[in-house]
């Protein structure tokens, strides 16, 4: 089962940074992300997606708060935009030129799409009642399902629109970038099998590609990618 929602810069992004990235708990004010995740008992987010290589990121690397703010909260900037800007300023560029160097394109309102992957309730029960081999097989299948969905979105769903009125459409040549977070409880606070089964996963996709820095890149509302809940 999969839920889908858009991520927008501003209030929606702040909600993700306050709650979603810490397991849907409530992040204490002025608490660093890493510390908040440790206190909530959830692991740090991890990067995934083909677009990582374009941005100089590595699959499996930890997602930092500054990277999230740059990519999802500031209208679509490079995850390392602060470093890029500092380097350009040190090299003598003007503040405006240094700022532009960290951009991935024109500022956009929709900076990503949030996917929540949840196994069917019967899968939870099978995991809870099964032996070690059954559990490992279910966990591996769940992990692989997330990877396959991302690959399908990259190959069949995501498009970049450019030109007047977005008349031209192409597949993102560099692929997509995803920040992946693991939750152990439902939003209501109900444990998901006492937190033993590491589900659900939230996978937030950025639709911006560095190679397309002259276009406003976004995930188009393709059939099958409408915001909805359920299988």
C-alpha atoms as a PDB file:
ATOM      1  CA  UNK A   1       0.000   0.000   0.000  1.00  0.00           C
ATOM      2  CA  UNK A   2       1.223   3.507  -0.758  1.00  0.00           C
ATOM      3  CA  UNK A   3       0.079   7.016   0.162  1.00  0.00           C
ATOM      4  CA  UNK A   4       1.126  10.002  -1.964  1.00  0.00           C
ATOM      5  CA  UNK A   5       1.266  13.724  -1.184  1.00  0.00           C
ATOM      6  CA  UNK A   6       3.041  16.765  -2.563  1.00  0.00           C
ATOM      7  CA  UNK A   7       5.755  18.622  -0.679  1.00  0.00           C
ATOM      8  CA  UNK A   8       5.759  22.392  -1.056  1.00  0.00           C
ATOM      9  CA  UNK A   9       8.258  24.932   0.162  1.00  0.00           C
ATOM     10  CA  UNK A  10       7.075  26.816   3.222  1.00  0.00           C
ATOM     11  CA  UNK A  11       4.540  25.516   5.710  1.00  0.00           C
ATOM     12  CA  UNK A  12       4.317  21.973   4.284  1.00  0.00           C
ATOM     13  CA  UNK A  13       8.099  21.592   4.303  1.00  0.00           C
ATOM     14  CA  UNK A  14       8.290  22.866   7.894  1.00  0.00           C
ATOM     15  CA  UNK A  15       5.747  20.235   8.920  1.00  0.00           C
ATOM     16  CA  UNK A  16       7.958  17.532   7.401  1.00  0.00           C
ATOM     17  CA  UNK A  17      11.014  18.876   9.182  1.00  0.00           C
ATOM     18  CA  UNK A  18       9.219  19.129  12.540  1.00  0.00           C
ATOM     19  CA  UNK A  19       7.445  15.760  12.492  1.00  0.00           C
ATOM     20  CA  UNK A  20       7.911  13.421   9.526  1.00  0.00           C
ATOM     21  CA  UNK A  21      11.696  13.135   9.693  1.00  0.00           C
ATOM     22  CA  UNK A  22      11.511  12.201  13.386  1.00  0.00           C
ATOM     23  CA  UNK A  23       9.057   9.331  12.927  1.00  0.00           C
ATOM     24  CA  UNK A  24       5.880  11.451  12.969  1.00  0.00           C
ATOM     25  CA  UNK A  25       6.639  12.522  16.516  1.00  0.00           C
ATOM     26  CA  UNK A  26       6.847  16.150  17.562  1.00  0.00           C
ATOM     27  CA  UNK A  27      10.334  17.551  17.328  1.00  0.00           C
ATOM     28  CA  UNK A  28      11.226  19.798  20.286  1.00  0.00           C
ATOM     29  CA  UNK A  29      11.984  23.401  19.271  1.00  0.00           C
ATOM     30  CA  UNK A  30      15.633  24.226  18.576  1.00  0.00           C
ATOM     31  CA  UNK A  31      16.625  20.554  18.788  1.00  0.00           C
ATOM     32  CA  UNK A  32      19.129  19.480  16.093  1.00  0.00           C
ATOM     33  CA  UNK A  33      17.728  16.891  13.705  1.00  0.00           C
ATOM     34  CA  UNK A  34      20.255  14.193  14.613  1.00  0.00           C
ATOM     35  CA  UNK A  35      19.544  14.549  18.331  1.00  0.00           C
ATOM     36  CA  UNK A  36      15.766  14.612  17.758  1.00  0.00           C
ATOM     37  CA  UNK A  37      15.955  11.384  15.747  1.00  0.00           C
ATOM     38  CA  UNK A  38      18.025   9.704  18.457  1.00  0.00           C
ATOM     39  CA  UNK A  39      15.564  10.793  21.147  1.00  0.00           C
ATOM     40  CA  UNK A  40      12.635   9.545  19.033  1.00  0.00           C
ATOM     41  CA  UNK A  41      14.366   6.198  18.462  1.00  0.00           C
ATOM     42  CA  UNK A  42      14.289   6.411  14.673  1.00  0.00           C
ATOM     43  CA  UNK A  43      17.252   6.127  12.300  1.00  0.00           C
ATOM     44  CA  UNK A  44      18.534   8.992  10.193  1.00  0.00           C
ATOM     45  CA  UNK A  45      17.210   9.377   6.685  1.00  0.00           C
ATOM     46  CA  UNK A  46      19.204   7.979   3.770  1.00  0.00           C
ATOM     47  CA  UNK A  47      19.643   9.135   0.189  1.00  0.00           C
ATOM     48  CA  UNK A  48      18.636   6.974  -2.769  1.00  0.00           C
ATOM     49  CA  UNK A  49      17.856   7.392  -6.494  1.00  0.00           C
ATOM     50  CA  UNK A  50      19.753   7.639  -9.772  1.00  0.00           C
ATOM     51  CA  UNK A  51      19.989  11.412  -9.561  1.00  0.00           C
ATOM     52  CA  UNK A  52      22.387  11.271  -6.634  1.00  0.00           C
ATOM     53  CA  UNK A  53      25.430  11.001  -8.868  1.00  0.00           C
ATOM     54  CA  UNK A  54      24.441  14.216 -10.659  1.00  0.00           C
ATOM     55  CA  UNK A  55      24.388  16.062  -7.347  1.00  0.00           C
ATOM     56  CA  UNK A  56      27.555  14.487  -5.998  1.00  0.00           C
ATOM     57  CA  UNK A  57      25.690  12.451  -3.373  1.00  0.00           C
ATOM     58  CA  UNK A  58      26.094   8.752  -2.587  1.00  0.00           C
ATOM     59  CA  UNK A  59      23.306   6.223  -2.061  1.00  0.00           C
ATOM     60  CA  UNK A  60      22.960   5.338   1.616  1.00  0.00           C
ATOM     61  CA  UNK A  61      24.521   8.554   2.906  1.00  0.00           C
ATOM     62  CA  UNK A  62      22.798  10.203   5.854  1.00  0.00           C
ATOM     63  CA  UNK A  63      20.346  12.993   5.037  1.00  0.00           C
ATOM     64  CA  UNK A  64      21.236  16.148   6.989  1.00  0.00           C
ATOM     65  CA  UNK A  65      18.936  18.952   8.046  1.00  0.00           C
ATOM     66  CA  UNK A  66      20.764  21.492   5.907  1.00  0.00           C
ATOM     67  CA  UNK A  67      20.441  19.275   2.834  1.00  0.00           C
ATOM     68  CA  UNK A  68      16.694  18.904   3.413  1.00  0.00           C
ATOM     69  CA  UNK A  69      16.311  22.643   3.854  1.00  0.00           C
ATOM     70  CA  UNK A  70      18.204  23.408   0.655  1.00  0.00           C
ATOM     71  CA  UNK A  71      16.491  20.850  -1.553  1.00  0.00           C
ATOM     72  CA  UNK A  72      12.923  20.797  -0.254  1.00  0.00           C
ATOM     73  CA  UNK A  73      12.553  23.994   1.753  1.00  0.00           C
ATOM     74  CA  UNK A  74      14.127  26.706  -0.372  1.00  0.00           C
ATOM     75  CA  UNK A  75      12.355  26.164  -3.666  1.00  0.00           C
ATOM     76  CA  UNK A  76      14.829  23.610  -4.970  1.00  0.00           C
ATOM     77  CA  UNK A  77      18.496  24.297  -4.301  1.00  0.00           C
ATOM     78  CA  UNK A  78      21.446  21.923  -4.419  1.00  0.00           C
ATOM     79  CA  UNK A  79      21.708  19.869  -1.188  1.00  0.00           C
ATOM     80  CA  UNK A  80      25.183  21.385  -0.728  1.00  0.00           C
ATOM     81  CA  UNK A  81      24.124  24.865  -1.836  1.00  0.00           C
ATOM     82  CA  UNK A  82      25.580  26.453   1.288  1.00  0.00           C
ATOM     83  CA  UNK A  83      29.018  24.987   0.529  1.00  0.00           C
ATOM     84  CA  UNK A  84      28.797  25.944  -3.136  1.00  0.00           C
ATOM     85  CA  UNK A  85      27.831  29.500  -2.238  1.00  0.00           C
ATOM     86  CA  UNK A  86      30.669  29.803   0.294  1.00  0.00           C
ATOM     87  CA  UNK A  87      33.210  28.521  -2.251  1.00  0.00           C
ATOM     88  CA  UNK A  88      32.020  30.960  -4.907  1.00  0.00           C
ATOM     89  CA  UNK A  89      32.140  33.868  -2.489  1.00  0.00           C
ATOM     90  CA  UNK A  90      35.687  32.880  -1.513  1.00  0.00           C
ATOM     91  CA  UNK A  91      36.572  32.831  -5.201  1.00  0.00           C
ATOM     92  CA  UNK A  92      35.397  36.434  -5.568  1.00  0.00           C
ATOM     93  CA  UNK A  93      31.914  36.003  -7.000  1.00  0.00           C
ATOM     94  CA  UNK A  94      29.221  38.476  -6.062  1.00  0.00           C
ATOM     95  CA  UNK A  95      26.595  37.340  -3.509  1.00  0.00           C
ATOM     96  CA  UNK A  96      23.991  37.148  -6.276  1.00  0.00           C
ATOM     97  CA  UNK A  97      26.222  35.025  -8.512  1.00  0.00           C
ATOM     98  CA  UNK A  98      27.153  32.762  -5.600  1.00  0.00           C
ATOM     99  CA  UNK A  99      23.468  32.271  -4.778  1.00  0.00           C
ATOM    100  CA  UNK A 100      22.656  31.369  -8.376  1.00  0.00           C
ATOM    101  CA  UNK A 101      25.494  28.814  -8.398  1.00  0.00           C
ATOM    102  CA  UNK A 102      23.690  26.815  -5.715  1.00  0.00           C
ATOM    103  CA  UNK A 103      20.368  26.771  -7.551  1.00  0.00           C
ATOM    104  CA  UNK A 104      19.073  23.804  -9.557  1.00  0.00           C
ATOM    105  CA  UNK A 105      16.797  25.975 -11.656  1.00  0.00           C
ATOM    106  CA  UNK A 106      14.082  28.533 -11.151  1.00  0.00           C
ATOM    107  CA  UNK A 107      12.460  28.504  -7.731  1.00  0.00           C
ATOM    108  CA  UNK A 108       9.479  26.145  -7.664  1.00  0.00           C
ATOM    109  CA  UNK A 109       6.634  25.777  -5.187  1.00  0.00           C
ATOM    110  CA  UNK A 110       6.285  21.996  -5.412  1.00  0.00           C
ATOM    111  CA  UNK A 111       9.713  20.725  -4.415  1.00  0.00           C
ATOM    112  CA  UNK A 112       8.965  17.026  -4.081  1.00  0.00           C
ATOM    113  CA  UNK A 113       6.477  14.219  -3.627  1.00  0.00           C
ATOM    114  CA  UNK A 114       6.034  12.187  -0.441  1.00  0.00           C
ATOM    115  CA  UNK A 115       5.429   8.434  -0.740  1.00  0.00           C
ATOM    116  CA  UNK A 116       4.510   6.316   2.284  1.00  0.00           C
ATOM    117  CA  UNK A 117       5.029   2.570   1.794  1.00  0.00           C
ATOM    118  CA  UNK A 118       2.959   0.329   4.081  1.00  0.00           C
ATOM    119  CA  UNK A 119       2.644  -3.464   3.876  1.00  0.00           C
ATOM    120  CA  UNK A 120      -0.801  -5.009   4.066  1.00  0.00           C
ATOM    121  CA  UNK A 121      -1.930  -5.814   7.647  1.00  0.00           C
ATOM    122  CA  UNK A 122      -1.728  -9.527   6.890  1.00  0.00           C
ATOM    123  CA  UNK A 123       1.966  -9.085   6.070  1.00  0.00           C
ATOM    124  CA  UNK A 124       2.542  -7.606   9.514  1.00  0.00           C
ATOM    125  CA  UNK A 125       0.909 -10.650  11.078  1.00  0.00           C
ATOM    126  CA  UNK A 126       2.878 -13.049   8.929  1.00  0.00           C
ATOM    127  CA  UNK A 127       6.077 -11.309   9.984  1.00  0.00           C
ATOM    128  CA  UNK A 128       5.097 -11.389  13.670  1.00  0.00           C
ATOM    129  CA  UNK A 129       4.138 -15.069  13.669  1.00  0.00           C
ATOM    130  CA  UNK A 130       6.736 -16.383  11.235  1.00  0.00           C
ATOM    131  CA  UNK A 131      10.171 -17.801  11.870  1.00  0.00           C
ATOM    132  CA  UNK A 132      13.417 -15.916  11.319  1.00  0.00           C
ATOM    133  CA  UNK A 133      13.644 -16.958   7.678  1.00  0.00           C
ATOM    134  CA  UNK A 134      10.115 -15.717   6.986  1.00  0.00           C
ATOM    135  CA  UNK A 135      10.833 -12.399   8.639  1.00  0.00           C
ATOM    136  CA  UNK A 136      14.028 -11.855   6.692  1.00  0.00           C
ATOM    137  CA  UNK A 137      12.225 -12.672   3.436  1.00  0.00           C
ATOM    138  CA  UNK A 138       9.429 -10.186   4.195  1.00  0.00           C
ATOM    139  CA  UNK A 139      11.881  -7.449   5.139  1.00  0.00           C
ATOM    140  CA  UNK A 140      13.926  -8.014   1.984  1.00  0.00           C
ATOM    141  CA  UNK A 141      10.778  -7.989  -0.170  1.00  0.00           C
ATOM    142  CA  UNK A 142       9.631  -4.721   1.378  1.00  0.00           C
ATOM    143  CA  UNK A 143      13.011  -3.077   0.804  1.00  0.00           C
ATOM    144  CA  UNK A 144      13.092  -4.286  -2.787  1.00  0.00           C
ATOM    145  CA  UNK A 145       9.534  -3.074  -3.411  1.00  0.00           C
ATOM    146  CA  UNK A 146      10.550   0.461  -2.470  1.00  0.00           C
ATOM    147  CA  UNK A 147      13.515   0.322  -4.846  1.00  0.00           C
ATOM    148  CA  UNK A 148      11.354  -1.003  -7.693  1.00  0.00           C
ATOM    149  CA  UNK A 149       8.730   1.693  -7.216  1.00  0.00           C
ATOM    150  CA  UNK A 150      11.393   4.394  -7.394  1.00  0.00           C
ATOM    151  CA  UNK A 151      12.843   2.838 -10.547  1.00  0.00           C
ATOM    152  CA  UNK A 152       9.350   2.677 -12.103  1.00  0.00           C
ATOM    153  CA  UNK A 153       8.728   6.350 -11.313  1.00  0.00           C
ATOM    154  CA  UNK A 154      12.064   7.317 -12.846  1.00  0.00           C
ATOM    155  CA  UNK A 155      11.465   5.236 -16.000  1.00  0.00           C
ATOM    156  CA  UNK A 156       7.730   5.590 -16.599  1.00  0.00           C
ATOM    157  CA  UNK A 157       6.161   8.419 -14.597  1.00  0.00           C
ATOM    158  CA  UNK A 158       8.378  11.415 -13.866  1.00  0.00           C
ATOM    159  CA  UNK A 159       8.708  14.089 -16.525  1.00  0.00           C
ATOM    160  CA  UNK A 160      10.371  17.493 -16.700  1.00  0.00           C
ATOM    161  CA  UNK A 161       8.216  20.212 -18.243  1.00  0.00           C
ATOM    162  CA  UNK A 162       9.803  23.272 -19.849  1.00  0.00           C
ATOM    163  CA  UNK A 163       9.014  25.931 -22.364  1.00  0.00           C
ATOM    164  CA  UNK A 164       5.982  28.216 -22.493  1.00  0.00           C
ATOM    165  CA  UNK A 165       3.216  26.637 -20.445  1.00  0.00           C
ATOM    166  CA  UNK A 166       5.313  23.490 -19.981  1.00  0.00           C
ATOM    167  CA  UNK A 167       4.625  22.429 -23.555  1.00  0.00           C
ATOM    168  CA  UNK A 168       7.766  20.273 -23.796  1.00  0.00           C
ATOM    169  CA  UNK A 169       8.175  17.144 -21.660  1.00  0.00           C
ATOM    170  CA  UNK A 170      11.161  14.834 -21.222  1.00  0.00           C
ATOM    171  CA  UNK A 171      12.176  12.168 -18.744  1.00  0.00           C
ATOM    172  CA  UNK A 172      14.625  13.494 -16.119  1.00  0.00           C
ATOM    173  CA  UNK A 173      17.940  12.527 -17.762  1.00  0.00           C
ATOM    174  CA  UNK A 174      19.755  12.394 -14.433  1.00  0.00           C
ATOM    175  CA  UNK A 175      17.056  10.484 -12.594  1.00  0.00           C
ATOM    176  CA  UNK A 176      15.477  11.444  -9.280  1.00  0.00           C
ATOM    177  CA  UNK A 177      16.768  12.047  -5.771  1.00  0.00           C
ATOM    178  CA  UNK A 178      14.954  10.528  -2.802  1.00  0.00           C
ATOM    179  CA  UNK A 179      15.323  11.077   0.943  1.00  0.00           C
ATOM    180  CA  UNK A 180      14.137   7.945   2.714  1.00  0.00           C
ATOM    181  CA  UNK A 181      12.929   7.798   6.329  1.00  0.00           C
ATOM    182  CA  UNK A 182      11.832   4.845   8.458  1.00  0.00           C
ATOM    183  CA  UNK A 183       8.970   4.977  10.963  1.00  0.00           C
ATOM    184  CA  UNK A 184       8.174   2.566  13.795  1.00  0.00           C
ATOM    185  CA  UNK A 185       4.793   3.963  14.842  1.00  0.00           C
ATOM    186  CA  UNK A 186       1.600   5.073  13.159  1.00  0.00           C
ATOM    187  CA  UNK A 187       0.780   8.775  13.369  1.00  0.00           C
ATOM    188  CA  UNK A 188      -1.752   7.944  16.089  1.00  0.00           C
ATOM    189  CA  UNK A 189       1.114   6.641  18.236  1.00  0.00           C
ATOM    190  CA  UNK A 190       0.086   3.007  17.871  1.00  0.00           C
ATOM    191  CA  UNK A 191       3.180   0.761  17.686  1.00  0.00           C
ATOM    192  CA  UNK A 192       3.687  -1.132  14.440  1.00  0.00           C
ATOM    193  CA  UNK A 193       4.249  -4.587  15.910  1.00  0.00           C
ATOM    194  CA  UNK A 194       6.112  -3.023  18.838  1.00  0.00           C
ATOM    195  CA  UNK A 195       8.420  -1.343  16.375  1.00  0.00           C
ATOM    196  CA  UNK A 196      10.022  -4.634  15.401  1.00  0.00           C
ATOM    197  CA  UNK A 197       9.083  -4.536  11.764  1.00  0.00           C
ATOM    198  CA  UNK A 198      10.832  -1.527  10.318  1.00  0.00           C
ATOM    199  CA  UNK A 199       7.842  -0.073   8.508  1.00  0.00           C
ATOM    200  CA  UNK A 200       6.392   2.004   7.076  1.00  0.00           C
ATOM    201  CA  UNK A 201       8.903   3.900   4.971  1.00  0.00           C
ATOM    202  CA  UNK A 202       8.498   7.456   3.774  1.00  0.00           C
ATOM    203  CA  UNK A 203      10.313   8.260   0.571  1.00  0.00           C
ATOM    204  CA  UNK A 204      10.390  11.942  -0.393  1.00  0.00           C
ATOM    205  CA  UNK A 205      11.349  12.457  -4.012  1.00  0.00           C
ATOM    206  CA  UNK A 206      12.932  15.608  -5.324  1.00  0.00           C
ATOM    207  CA  UNK A 207      12.085  16.222  -8.955  1.00  0.00           C
ATOM    208  CA  UNK A 208      14.980  18.605  -9.534  1.00  0.00           C
ATOM    209  CA  UNK A 209      17.991  17.567 -11.568  1.00  0.00           C
ATOM    210  CA  UNK A 210      21.235  19.535 -11.653  1.00  0.00           C
ATOM    211  CA  UNK A 211      21.645  18.833 -15.361  1.00  0.00           C
ATOM    212  CA  UNK A 212      18.396  20.747 -16.018  1.00  0.00           C
ATOM    213  CA  UNK A 213      19.380  23.941 -14.281  1.00  0.00           C
ATOM    214  CA  UNK A 214      17.755  26.173 -16.894  1.00  0.00           C
ATOM    215  CA  UNK A 215      14.316  24.612 -16.549  1.00  0.00           C
ATOM    216  CA  UNK A 216      11.755  24.484 -13.776  1.00  0.00           C
ATOM    217  CA  UNK A 217      11.719  20.744 -13.204  1.00  0.00           C
ATOM    218  CA  UNK A 218       8.778  19.080 -11.515  1.00  0.00           C
ATOM    219  CA  UNK A 219       6.944  15.801 -11.262  1.00  0.00           C
ATOM    220  CA  UNK A 220       3.987  16.005 -13.592  1.00  0.00           C
ATOM    221  CA  UNK A 221       0.593  14.647 -12.536  1.00  0.00           C
ATOM    222  CA  UNK A 222       0.828  11.519 -14.608  1.00  0.00           C
ATOM    223  CA  UNK A 223      -1.879   8.826 -14.505  1.00  0.00           C
ATOM    224  CA  UNK A 224      -1.116   6.620 -11.529  1.00  0.00           C
ATOM    225  CA  UNK A 225       0.624   9.373  -9.563  1.00  0.00           C
ATOM    226  CA  UNK A 226      -2.387  11.291  -8.282  1.00  0.00           C
ATOM    227  CA  UNK A 227      -2.378  12.014  -4.563  1.00  0.00           C
ATOM    228  CA  UNK A 228      -4.328   9.179  -2.996  1.00  0.00           C
ATOM    229  CA  UNK A 229      -4.249   6.482  -0.366  1.00  0.00           C
ATOM    230  CA  UNK A 230      -4.536   2.729  -0.670  1.00  0.00           C
ATOM    231  CA  UNK A 231      -3.063  -0.068  -2.770  1.00  0.00           C
END
